[in-house]
C-alpha atoms as a PDB file:
ATOM      1  CA  MET A   1     222.905 138.077 112.908  1.00  0.00           C
ATOM      2  CA  LYS A   2     220.214 140.771 112.723  1.00  0.00           C
ATOM      3  CA  ALA A   3     217.323 141.099 115.148  1.00  0.00           C
ATOM      4  CA  THR A   4     215.129 138.025 115.173  1.00  0.00           C
ATOM      5  CA  VAL A   5     212.095 138.144 112.898  1.00  0.00           C
ATOM      6  CA  VAL A   6     208.867 136.660 114.287  1.00  0.00           C
ATOM      7  CA  LEU A   7     206.556 134.769 111.944  1.00  0.00           C
ATOM      8  CA  PRO A   8     203.184 136.592 111.986  1.00  0.00           C
ATOM      9  CA  ASP A   9     200.370 134.775 113.800  1.00  0.00           C
ATOM     10  CA  ARG A  10     198.326 134.466 110.608  1.00  0.00           C
ATOM     11  CA  TYR A  11     200.811 131.880 109.323  1.00  0.00           C
ATOM     12  CA  THR A  12     201.722 128.363 110.426  1.00  0.00           C
ATOM     13  CA  VAL A  13     204.811 126.354 109.513  1.00  0.00           C
ATOM     14  CA  ARG A  14     205.702 122.686 109.153  1.00  0.00           C
ATOM     15  CA  PRO A  15     208.089 120.495 107.124  1.00  0.00           C
ATOM     16  CA  PRO A  16     207.095 119.833 103.518  1.00  0.00           C
ATOM     17  CA  GLU A  17     205.500 116.487 102.688  1.00  0.00           C
ATOM     18  CA  PRO A  18     205.312 114.637  99.359  1.00  0.00           C
ATOM     19  CA  GLY A  19     201.608 115.418  99.119  1.00  0.00           C
ATOM     20  CA  ASP A  20     202.401 119.148  99.133  1.00  0.00           C
ATOM     21  CA  ALA A  21     204.139 119.061  95.753  1.00  0.00           C
ATOM     22  CA  GLU A  22     201.288 120.404  93.620  1.00  0.00           C
ATOM     23  CA  ALA A  23     200.390 123.260  95.962  1.00  0.00           C
ATOM     24  CA  MET A  24     204.076 124.137  96.386  1.00  0.00           C
ATOM     25  CA  PHE A  25     204.572 124.132  92.624  1.00  0.00           C
ATOM     26  CA  ASP A  26     201.651 126.548  92.217  1.00  0.00           C
ATOM     27  CA  MET A  27     203.173 128.889  94.807  1.00  0.00           C
ATOM     28  CA  LEU A  28     206.744 128.675  93.481  1.00  0.00           C
ATOM     29  CA  SER A  29     205.751 129.110  89.842  1.00  0.00           C
ATOM     30  CA  ALA A  30     203.622 132.146  90.744  1.00  0.00           C
ATOM     31  CA  TYR A  31     206.534 133.610  92.728  1.00  0.00           C
ATOM     32  CA  ASN A  32     209.009 133.075  89.892  1.00  0.00           C
ATOM     33  CA  THR A  33     206.591 134.431  87.308  1.00  0.00           C
ATOM     34  CA  ALA A  34     206.167 137.618  89.343  1.00  0.00           C
ATOM     35  CA  VAL A  35     209.963 138.034  89.500  1.00  0.00           C
ATOM     36  CA  VAL A  36     211.248 136.888  86.094  1.00  0.00           C
ATOM     37  CA  GLY A  37     208.141 136.424  83.980  1.00  0.00           C
ATOM     38  CA  PHE A  38     207.945 132.615  83.801  1.00  0.00           C
ATOM     39  CA  ALA A  39     207.604 129.634  86.143  1.00  0.00           C
ATOM     40  CA  ASP A  40     211.203 128.348  85.897  1.00  0.00           C
ATOM     41  CA  CYS A  41     210.227 125.089  87.633  1.00  0.00           C
ATOM     42  CA  THR A  42     208.091 122.043  86.989  1.00  0.00           C
ATOM     43  CA  LEU A  43     205.811 119.929  89.153  1.00  0.00           C
ATOM     44  CA  GLU A  44     208.164 116.960  88.688  1.00  0.00           C
ATOM     45  CA  GLU A  45     211.172 118.933  89.907  1.00  0.00           C
ATOM     46  CA  THR A  46     209.230 120.299  92.881  1.00  0.00           C
ATOM     47  CA  ALA A  47     208.175 116.802  93.918  1.00  0.00           C
ATOM     48  CA  TYR A  48     211.761 115.550  93.570  1.00  0.00           C
ATOM     49  CA  CYS A  49     213.156 118.310  95.792  1.00  0.00           C
ATOM     50  CA  ILE A  50     210.933 117.193  98.667  1.00  0.00           C
ATOM     51  CA  SER A  51     212.240 113.610  98.537  1.00  0.00           C
ATOM     52  CA  GLU A  52     215.739 114.217  97.129  1.00  0.00           C
ATOM     53  CA  PRO A  53     218.385 111.815  98.523  1.00  0.00           C
ATOM     54  CA  GLY A  54     220.261 113.467 101.379  1.00  0.00           C
ATOM     55  CA  PHE A  55     217.582 116.093 102.032  1.00  0.00           C
ATOM     56  CA  GLU A  56     216.117 115.808 105.524  1.00  0.00           C
ATOM     57  CA  ARG A  57     212.788 117.498 105.050  1.00  0.00           C
ATOM     58  CA  THR A  58     211.854 117.357 108.748  1.00  0.00           C
ATOM     59  CA  THR A  59     214.837 119.493 109.771  1.00  0.00           C
ATOM     60  CA  ASP A  60     215.982 121.224 106.581  1.00  0.00           C
ATOM     61  CA  GLY A  61     212.730 122.385 104.974  1.00  0.00           C
ATOM     62  CA  TRP A  62     210.109 124.946 106.034  1.00  0.00           C
ATOM     63  CA  LEU A  63     206.682 125.228 104.438  1.00  0.00           C
ATOM     64  CA  VAL A  64     204.775 128.312 105.588  1.00  0.00           C
ATOM     65  CA  LEU A  65     200.990 128.090 105.253  1.00  0.00           C
ATOM     66  CA  ALA A  66     198.533 130.972 105.120  1.00  0.00           C
ATOM     67  CA  GLU A  67     195.052 130.881 106.579  1.00  0.00           C
ATOM     68  CA  GLY A  68     193.171 128.304 104.545  1.00  0.00           C
ATOM     69  CA  GLY A  69     196.237 126.070 104.243  1.00  0.00           C
ATOM     70  CA  LEU A  70     197.729 127.362 101.004  1.00  0.00           C
ATOM     71  CA  PRO A  71     201.541 127.719 100.846  1.00  0.00           C
ATOM     72  CA  ALA A  72     202.794 131.260 101.402  1.00  0.00           C
ATOM     73  CA  GLY A  73     206.513 130.540 101.562  1.00  0.00           C
ATOM     74  CA  TYR A  74     209.095 127.812 101.323  1.00  0.00           C
ATOM     75  CA  ALA A  75     212.757 127.482 102.219  1.00  0.00           C
ATOM     76  CA  THR A  76     215.462 124.820 102.386  1.00  0.00           C
ATOM     77  CA  ALA A  77     218.966 124.433 103.770  1.00  0.00           C
ATOM     78  CA  ASN A  78     220.891 121.928 101.661  1.00  0.00           C
ATOM     79  CA  GLY A  79     224.132 120.596 103.112  1.00  0.00           C
ATOM     80  CA  ARG A  80     226.750 119.302 100.681  1.00  0.00           C
ATOM     81  CA  GLY A  81     229.738 117.061 101.279  1.00  0.00           C
ATOM     82  CA  ASP A  82     231.031 117.523 104.831  1.00  0.00           C
ATOM     83  CA  ARG A  83     228.520 120.365 105.452  1.00  0.00           C
ATOM     84  CA  GLY A  84     231.186 123.061 105.463  1.00  0.00           C
ATOM     85  CA  VAL A  85     229.160 124.671 102.661  1.00  0.00           C
ATOM     86  CA  VAL A  86     225.364 124.910 102.855  1.00  0.00           C
ATOM     87  CA  GLY A  87     223.110 126.240 100.114  1.00  0.00           C
ATOM     88  CA  ILE A  88     219.895 128.001 101.105  1.00  0.00           C
ATOM     89  CA  GLU A  89     216.776 128.721  99.052  1.00  0.00           C
ATOM     90  CA  VAL A  90     213.929 131.041 100.052  1.00  0.00           C
ATOM     91  CA  ALA A  91     210.714 132.000  98.256  1.00  0.00           C
ATOM     92  CA  ALA A  92     207.924 134.102  99.795  1.00  0.00           C
ATOM     93  CA  LYS A  93     206.071 137.215  98.637  1.00  0.00           C
ATOM     94  CA  ASP A  94     205.428 138.511 102.168  1.00  0.00           C
ATOM     95  CA  PRO A  95     208.626 140.261 103.401  1.00  0.00           C
ATOM     96  CA  GLU A  96     207.980 139.117 106.983  1.00  0.00           C
ATOM     97  CA  VAL A  97     207.714 135.495 105.881  1.00  0.00           C
ATOM     98  CA  ALA A  98     210.790 135.771 103.671  1.00  0.00           C
ATOM     99  CA  GLY A  99     212.794 137.388 106.474  1.00  0.00           C
ATOM    100  CA  TRP A 100     211.781 134.685 108.942  1.00  0.00           C
ATOM    101  CA  LEU A 101     212.713 131.941 106.472  1.00  0.00           C
ATOM    102  CA  VAL A 102     216.145 133.451 105.805  1.00  0.00           C
ATOM    103  CA  GLU A 103     216.866 133.328 109.540  1.00  0.00           C
ATOM    104  CA  GLN A 104     215.718 129.709 109.839  1.00  0.00           C
ATOM    105  CA  THR A 105     217.975 128.597 107.002  1.00  0.00           C
ATOM    106  CA  MET A 106     220.974 130.420 108.476  1.00  0.00           C
ATOM    107  CA  ARG A 107     220.453 128.834 111.894  1.00  0.00           C
ATOM    108  CA  ARG A 108     220.142 125.388 110.344  1.00  0.00           C
ATOM    109  CA  ALA A 109     223.269 125.933 108.241  1.00  0.00           C
ATOM    110  CA  ARG A 110     225.258 126.773 111.368  1.00  0.00           C
ATOM    111  CA  ALA A 111     223.867 123.717 113.143  1.00  0.00           C
ATOM    112  CA  MET A 112     224.823 121.424 110.232  1.00  0.00           C
ATOM    113  CA  ALA A 113     228.403 122.667 110.280  1.00  0.00           C
ATOM    114  CA  ARG A 114     228.596 122.444 114.080  1.00  0.00           C
ATOM    115  CA  GLU A 115     227.426 118.826 113.970  1.00  0.00           C
ATOM    116  CA  ARG A 116     230.372 118.017 111.662  1.00  0.00           C
ATOM    117  CA  GLY A 117     232.905 119.786 113.891  1.00  0.00           C
ATOM    118  CA  HIS A 118     233.465 122.890 111.758  1.00  0.00           C
ATOM    119  CA  ALA A 119     234.394 126.225 113.303  1.00  0.00           C
ATOM    120  CA  GLU A 120     232.587 128.139 110.553  1.00  0.00           C
ATOM    121  CA  VAL A 121     230.143 127.568 107.718  1.00  0.00           C
ATOM    122  CA  THR A 122     229.917 129.032 104.227  1.00  0.00           C
ATOM    123  CA  ILE A 123     226.325 129.812 103.273  1.00  0.00           C
ATOM    124  CA  ASP A 124     225.513 130.243  99.575  1.00  0.00           C
ATOM    125  CA  ALA A 125     222.306 131.500  97.975  1.00  0.00           C
ATOM    126  CA  PHE A 126     221.541 131.803  94.264  1.00  0.00           C
ATOM    127  CA  VAL A 127     219.084 134.609  93.590  1.00  0.00           C
ATOM    128  CA  TYR A 128     217.533 136.141  90.494  1.00  0.00           C
ATOM    129  CA  ARG A 129     219.003 139.598  89.848  1.00  0.00           C
ATOM    130  CA  ALA A 130     215.404 140.835  89.581  1.00  0.00           C
ATOM    131  CA  ASP A 131     214.421 139.520  93.049  1.00  0.00           C
ATOM    132  CA  ASP A 132     214.755 142.791  94.961  1.00  0.00           C
ATOM    133  CA  LEU A 133     213.118 141.426  98.123  1.00  0.00           C
ATOM    134  CA  LEU A 134     215.462 138.471  98.612  1.00  0.00           C
ATOM    135  CA  ARG A 135     218.541 140.411  97.520  1.00  0.00           C
ATOM    136  CA  GLY A 136     217.712 143.074 100.094  1.00  0.00           C
ATOM    137  CA  LEU A 137     217.227 140.525 102.875  1.00  0.00           C
ATOM    138  CA  LEU A 138     220.548 138.833 102.135  1.00  0.00           C
ATOM    139  CA  SER A 139     222.314 142.186 102.060  1.00  0.00           C
ATOM    140  CA  ASP A 140     220.742 143.062 105.430  1.00  0.00           C
ATOM    141  CA  HIS A 141     222.224 139.813 106.799  1.00  0.00           C
ATOM    142  CA  ASP A 142     225.702 140.744 105.532  1.00  0.00           C
ATOM    143  CA  PHE A 143     225.757 138.432 102.527  1.00  0.00           C
ATOM    144  CA  ALA A 144     227.836 139.681  99.613  1.00  0.00           C
ATOM    145  CA  ALA A 145     227.501 138.890  95.917  1.00  0.00           C
ATOM    146  CA  GLY A 146     230.326 136.508  95.014  1.00  0.00           C
ATOM    147  CA  THR A 147     229.635 135.698  91.376  1.00  0.00           C
ATOM    148  CA  THR A 148     227.111 136.165  88.597  1.00  0.00           C
ATOM    149  CA  TYR A 149     225.506 133.581  86.342  1.00  0.00           C
ATOM    150  CA  HIS A 150     223.898 134.137  82.962  1.00  0.00           C
ATOM    151  CA  ARG A 151     221.343 131.790  81.515  1.00  0.00           C
ATOM    152  CA  MET A 152     222.373 131.373  77.886  1.00  0.00           C
ATOM    153  CA  GLN A 153     220.196 130.146  75.027  1.00  0.00           C
ATOM    154  CA  ILE A 154     220.584 129.373  71.358  1.00  0.00           C
ATOM    155  CA  ASP A 155     217.569 128.848  69.097  1.00  0.00           C
ATOM    156  CA  HIS A 156     217.655 126.070  66.523  1.00  0.00           C
ATOM    157  CA  THR A 157     216.021 127.223  63.305  1.00  0.00           C
ATOM    158  CA  GLY A 158     217.497 124.829  60.758  1.00  0.00           C
ATOM    159  CA  PRO A 159     219.395 121.574  60.342  1.00  0.00           C
ATOM    160  CA  GLY A 160     222.181 121.194  62.884  1.00  0.00           C
ATOM    161  CA  ALA A 161     225.709 120.547  61.620  1.00  0.00           C
ATOM    162  CA  THR A 162     227.500 117.644  63.302  1.00  0.00           C
ATOM    163  CA  PRO A 163     230.885 118.921  64.518  1.00  0.00           C
ATOM    164  CA  GLU A 164     234.145 117.179  63.713  1.00  0.00           C
ATOM    165  CA  ILE A 165     235.678 115.301  66.663  1.00  0.00           C
ATOM    166  CA  PRO A 166     238.993 116.917  67.692  1.00  0.00           C
ATOM    167  CA  GLU A 167     242.077 114.935  66.713  1.00  0.00           C
ATOM    168  CA  GLY A 168     243.199 112.390  69.303  1.00  0.00           C
ATOM    169  CA  VAL A 169     239.908 112.544  71.212  1.00  0.00           C
ATOM    170  CA  VAL A 170     237.575 109.616  71.900  1.00  0.00           C
ATOM    171  CA  VAL A 171     233.907 110.379  72.612  1.00  0.00           C
ATOM    172  CA  ARG A 172     232.255 108.186  75.258  1.00  0.00           C
ATOM    173  CA  ARG A 173     228.472 108.559  75.296  1.00  0.00           C
ATOM    174  CA  GLY A 174     226.631 107.377  78.372  1.00  0.00           C
ATOM    175  CA  ALA A 175     227.796 106.136  81.756  1.00  0.00           C
ATOM    176  CA  PHE A 176     226.232 102.730  82.166  1.00  0.00           C
ATOM    177  CA  ASP A 177     228.712 100.987  84.487  1.00  0.00           C
ATOM    178  CA  ALA A 178     230.317 101.715  87.841  1.00  0.00           C
ATOM    179  CA  ALA A 179     233.798 102.337  86.432  1.00  0.00           C
ATOM    180  CA  THR A 180     232.607 104.956  83.944  1.00  0.00           C
ATOM    181  CA  ARG A 181     230.529 106.720  86.581  1.00  0.00           C
ATOM    182  CA  LEU A 182     233.495 106.851  88.948  1.00  0.00           C
ATOM    183  CA  ALA A 183     235.703 108.248  86.184  1.00  0.00           C
ATOM    184  CA  ALA A 184     233.038 110.827  85.335  1.00  0.00           C
ATOM    185  CA  HIS A 185     232.748 111.953  88.961  1.00  0.00           C
ATOM    186  CA  GLU A 186     236.510 112.313  89.265  1.00  0.00           C
ATOM    187  CA  ALA A 187     236.589 114.335  86.037  1.00  0.00           C
ATOM    188  CA  VAL A 188     233.833 116.638  87.310  1.00  0.00           C
ATOM    189  CA  ASN A 189     235.785 117.390  90.478  1.00  0.00           C
ATOM    190  CA  GLU A 190     238.974 117.989  88.531  1.00  0.00           C
ATOM    191  CA  CYS A 191     237.208 120.413  86.192  1.00  0.00           C
ATOM    192  CA  PHE A 192     235.404 122.459  88.840  1.00  0.00           C
ATOM    193  CA  ARG A 193     237.586 122.272  91.947  1.00  0.00           C
ATOM    194  CA  GLY A 194     237.989 125.730  93.498  1.00  0.00           C
ATOM    195  CA  GLN A 195     235.126 127.421  91.659  1.00  0.00           C
ATOM    196  CA  PHE A 196     232.420 129.366  93.492  1.00  0.00           C
ATOM    197  CA  GLY A 197     230.016 127.115  95.353  1.00  0.00           C
ATOM    198  CA  TRP A 198     231.665 123.882  94.217  1.00  0.00           C
ATOM    199  CA  VAL A 199     231.584 121.074  96.775  1.00  0.00           C
ATOM    200  CA  GLU A 200     233.104 117.656  96.180  1.00  0.00           C
ATOM    201  CA  ASP A 201     230.331 115.269  97.134  1.00  0.00           C
ATOM    202  CA  PRO A 202     231.151 111.756  98.323  1.00  0.00           C
ATOM    203  CA  HIS A 203     230.763 109.381  95.390  1.00  0.00           C
ATOM    204  CA  ASP A 204     227.718 107.635  96.847  1.00  0.00           C
ATOM    205  CA  GLU A 205     225.927 110.981  97.288  1.00  0.00           C
ATOM    206  CA  TRP A 206     226.838 112.010  93.737  1.00  0.00           C
ATOM    207  CA  LEU A 207     225.447 108.725  92.407  1.00  0.00           C
ATOM    208  CA  ALA A 208     222.262 108.967  94.452  1.00  0.00           C
ATOM    209  CA  HIS A 209     221.611 112.498  93.231  1.00  0.00           C
ATOM    210  CA  HIS A 210     221.990 111.516  89.576  1.00  0.00           C
ATOM    211  CA  GLU A 211     220.032 108.282  89.879  1.00  0.00           C
ATOM    212  CA  GLY A 212     217.117 110.002  91.606  1.00  0.00           C
ATOM    213  CA  LEU A 213     216.953 113.104  89.405  1.00  0.00           C
ATOM    214  CA  PRO A 214     213.831 112.724  87.230  1.00  0.00           C
ATOM    215  CA  ILE A 215     215.166 114.931  84.422  1.00  0.00           C
ATOM    216  CA  PHE A 216     218.465 113.018  83.990  1.00  0.00           C
ATOM    217  CA  GLU A 217     219.443 109.690  82.431  1.00  0.00           C
ATOM    218  CA  TRP A 218     222.946 108.200  82.392  1.00  0.00           C
ATOM    219  CA  SER A 219     222.741 108.189  78.595  1.00  0.00           C
ATOM    220  CA  GLN A 220     222.898 112.007  78.777  1.00  0.00           C
ATOM    221  CA  LEU A 221     226.443 112.051  80.150  1.00  0.00           C
ATOM    222  CA  THR A 222     229.288 112.417  77.630  1.00  0.00           C
ATOM    223  CA  LEU A 223     233.015 112.055  78.317  1.00  0.00           C
ATOM    224  CA  LEU A 224     235.908 113.055  76.094  1.00  0.00           C
ATOM    225  CA  GLU A 225     239.047 110.959  76.550  1.00  0.00           C
ATOM    226  CA  VAL A 226     242.636 111.439  75.466  1.00  0.00           C
ATOM    227  CA  GLU A 227     244.796 108.320  75.673  1.00  0.00           C
ATOM    228  CA  GLY A 228     242.219 106.739  77.972  1.00  0.00           C
ATOM    229  CA  ARG A 229     242.043 109.682  80.369  1.00  0.00           C
ATOM    230  CA  PRO A 230     238.750 111.587  80.818  1.00  0.00           C
ATOM    231  CA  VAL A 231     239.585 115.228  80.044  1.00  0.00           C
ATOM    232  CA  ALA A 232     236.164 116.803  79.473  1.00  0.00           C
ATOM    233  CA  ILE A 233     232.602 116.087  80.523  1.00  0.00           C
ATOM    234  CA  ARG A 234     229.096 117.220  79.634  1.00  0.00           C
ATOM    235  CA  GLU A 235     225.834 116.426  81.402  1.00  0.00           C
ATOM    236  CA  CYS A 236     222.557 117.147  79.645  1.00  0.00           C
ATOM    237  CA  THR A 237     219.100 117.000  81.218  1.00  0.00           C
ATOM    238  CA  ASP A 238     215.445 117.320  80.248  1.00  0.00           C
ATOM    239  CA  GLY A 239     214.997 120.274  82.604  1.00  0.00           C
ATOM    240  CA  HIS A 240     213.709 122.645  79.908  1.00  0.00           C
ATOM    241  CA  VAL A 241     211.890 120.207  77.646  1.00  0.00           C
ATOM    242  CA  GLU A 242     208.439 120.515  79.224  1.00  0.00           C
ATOM    243  CA  ALA A 243     208.276 124.297  79.456  1.00  0.00           C
ATOM    244  CA  ASP A 244     210.440 125.417  76.522  1.00  0.00           C
ATOM    245  CA  ASN A 245     211.022 122.387  74.256  1.00  0.00           C
ATOM    246  CA  CYS A 246     214.730 123.096  74.743  1.00  0.00           C
ATOM    247  CA  GLY A 247     217.663 120.878  75.549  1.00  0.00           C
ATOM    248  CA  HIS A 248     219.628 121.701  78.681  1.00  0.00           C
ATOM    249  CA  ILE A 249     223.351 121.426  79.353  1.00  0.00           C
ATOM    250  CA  GLY A 250     223.448 121.054  83.105  1.00  0.00           C
ATOM    251  CA  MET A 251     227.225 120.979  83.344  1.00  0.00           C
ATOM    252  CA  LEU A 252     230.188 121.255  80.993  1.00  0.00           C
ATOM    253  CA  GLY A 253     233.839 121.222  82.034  1.00  0.00           C
ATOM    254  CA  VAL A 254     237.335 120.658  80.681  1.00  0.00           C
ATOM    255  CA  VAL A 255     240.345 119.597  82.761  1.00  0.00           C
ATOM    256  CA  GLU A 256     242.680 122.589  83.095  1.00  0.00           C
ATOM    257  CA  GLU A 257     245.654 121.285  81.112  1.00  0.00           C
ATOM    258  CA  PHE A 258     243.390 120.401  78.171  1.00  0.00           C
ATOM    259  CA  ARG A 259     241.674 123.779  77.886  1.00  0.00           C
ATOM    260  CA  GLY A 260     242.157 125.835  74.750  1.00  0.00           C
ATOM    261  CA  ARG A 261     242.010 122.805  72.442  1.00  0.00           C
ATOM    262  CA  GLY A 262     238.440 123.227  71.257  1.00  0.00           C
ATOM    263  CA  LEU A 263     236.961 120.509  73.478  1.00  0.00           C
ATOM    264  CA  ALA A 264     234.314 122.740  75.054  1.00  0.00           C
ATOM    265  CA  LYS A 265     233.258 124.090  71.641  1.00  0.00           C
ATOM    266  CA  PHE A 266     232.958 120.556  70.333  1.00  0.00           C
ATOM    267  CA  LEU A 267     230.762 119.523  73.269  1.00  0.00           C
ATOM    268  CA  LEU A 268     228.548 122.576  72.789  1.00  0.00           C
ATOM    269  CA  ARG A 269     228.107 122.119  69.055  1.00  0.00           C
ATOM    270  CA  ASP A 270     227.580 118.402  69.534  1.00  0.00           C
ATOM    271  CA  ALA A 271     224.769 119.154  72.016  1.00  0.00           C
ATOM    272  CA  PHE A 272     223.225 121.653  69.594  1.00  0.00           C
ATOM    273  CA  ALA A 273     223.273 119.079  66.799  1.00  0.00           C
ATOM    274  CA  ARG A 274     221.712 116.401  68.975  1.00  0.00           C
ATOM    275  CA  ASP A 275     219.018 118.773  70.275  1.00  0.00           C
ATOM    276  CA  THR A 276     218.198 119.868  66.734  1.00  0.00           C
ATOM    277  CA  ALA A 277     217.910 116.243  65.626  1.00  0.00           C
ATOM    278  CA  ALA A 278     215.544 115.608  68.558  1.00  0.00           C
ATOM    279  CA  GLY A 279     213.293 118.457  67.420  1.00  0.00           C
ATOM    280  CA  ARG A 280     214.229 120.841  70.232  1.00  0.00           C
ATOM    281  CA  ALA A 281     213.625 124.546  69.690  1.00  0.00           C
ATOM    282  CA  GLY A 282     216.898 125.490  71.350  1.00  0.00           C
ATOM    283  CA  THR A 283     219.540 124.685  73.965  1.00  0.00           C
ATOM    284  CA  ILE A 284     219.875 126.348  77.377  1.00  0.00           C
ATOM    285  CA  LEU A 285     222.651 126.424  79.991  1.00  0.00           C
ATOM    286  CA  LEU A 286     223.828 128.489  82.969  1.00  0.00           C
ATOM    287  CA  VAL A 287     227.336 129.977  82.961  1.00  0.00           C
ATOM    288  CA  ASP A 288     229.379 131.447  85.819  1.00  0.00           C
ATOM    289  CA  THR A 289     230.771 134.730  84.469  1.00  0.00           C
ATOM    290  CA  ASN A 290     233.586 134.659  87.056  1.00  0.00           C
ATOM    291  CA  ASN A 291     234.696 131.229  85.878  1.00  0.00           C
ATOM    292  CA  PRO A 292     238.534 131.043  85.641  1.00  0.00           C
ATOM    293  CA  THR A 293     238.099 130.233  81.959  1.00  0.00           C
ATOM    294  CA  PRO A 294     236.616 132.835  79.544  1.00  0.00           C
ATOM    295  CA  ALA A 295     233.367 130.867  79.553  1.00  0.00           C
ATOM    296  CA  LEU A 296     230.946 133.674  78.711  1.00  0.00           C
ATOM    297  CA  GLY A 297     232.946 134.562  75.615  1.00  0.00           C
ATOM    298  CA  LEU A 298     232.965 130.913  74.584  1.00  0.00           C
ATOM    299  CA  TYR A 299     229.184 130.645  74.683  1.00  0.00           C
ATOM    300  CA  LEU A 300     228.712 133.935  72.857  1.00  0.00           C
ATOM    301  CA  SER A 301     231.117 132.744  70.164  1.00  0.00           C
ATOM    302  CA  VAL A 302     228.940 129.717  69.348  1.00  0.00           C
ATOM    303  CA  GLY A 303     225.771 131.783  69.003  1.00  0.00           C
ATOM    304  CA  MET A 304     224.277 131.660  72.498  1.00  0.00           C
ATOM    305  CA  ASN A 305     222.723 134.768  74.056  1.00  0.00           C
ATOM    306  CA  PRO A 306     222.043 135.749  77.696  1.00  0.00           C
ATOM    307  CA  THR A 307     218.389 135.647  78.761  1.00  0.00           C
ATOM    308  CA  LEU A 308     218.453 135.771  82.592  1.00  0.00           C
ATOM    309  CA  VAL A 309     220.836 136.865  85.360  1.00  0.00           C
ATOM    310  CA  VAL A 310     221.313 135.032  88.678  1.00  0.00           C
ATOM    311  CA  ASP A 311     223.715 136.162  91.406  1.00  0.00           C
ATOM    312  CA  GLY A 312     225.557 133.916  93.825  1.00  0.00           C
ATOM    313  CA  TRP A 313     225.513 135.418  97.325  1.00  0.00           C
ATOM    314  CA  ARG A 314     227.735 134.227 100.170  1.00  0.00           C
ATOM    315  CA  ARG A 315     228.354 134.701 103.866  1.00  0.00           C
ATOM    316  CA  VAL A 316     230.835 132.911 106.131  1.00  0.00           C
ATOM    317  CA  LEU A 317     229.613 132.537 109.712  1.00  0.00           C
ATOM    318  CA  PRO A 318     231.161 131.138 112.903  1.00  0.00           C
ATOM    319  CA  VAL A 319     229.107 128.250 114.229  1.00  0.00           C
ATOM    320  CA  ALA A 320     229.710 128.739 117.954  1.00  0.00           C
END
């Protein structure tokens, strides 16, 4: 790890509290706007992140305050599953504050993994391509870019055509009982196992995350089944309704042996039709361009276009 950065005396730091949500939202939206031109967050999402199930704000969050008490930086270390992989997030305009926060998150990530008996920890960070400050800090700490994500969008300008259901496929809309939710979670893991940053959460953590997420309802989960087996899944959210009047596909996956049968295209076009019927201006999603499937080409083929680039950075550290 690089030489320790000292937080300048003009700042103080403490864990975030629920009452900080509005001030934090103002700071984060201003930071994002300076980097990518728009807020890319909502007050509701900011408030949720402070009280998200599994997030220990007293040990895993840092709110840096400037003189006068206004937020000047924020960071989190989010452990997933058995804490062998920890995601970090950092936002601060002052390079000294940002550098200090990066070091705090890395130390906490190592501590999380050590507490679970791991010899090393994988630390992931997802950073706007345009965020030169944070990209530079991660590079200085020997992180390397591991994958690239494109935010894709399609605009809905006319009536949406309802796609034909592929032959032999049953569409299950909503996950309103324990058995369906368990099947959906198992399908998610089967679809994404081995991909960059994917961690298989315990089922109770997966449930708690979905049940607490203010932009998600169980009615927004769709399963495709073949002979009773879930083979594809789509989760939609309201994450872009407030700011953009757009639907959002938070996750879409197809089990490996059922790829190439048009299931992903059906789920995309089905989402477009439903968003159009709901009066949405468009549909947005994030795609990993290093996905083992030709995902970027798929989204381009159905009329979506890239609007934003985010890189996934990674470093593996010993915890001793």
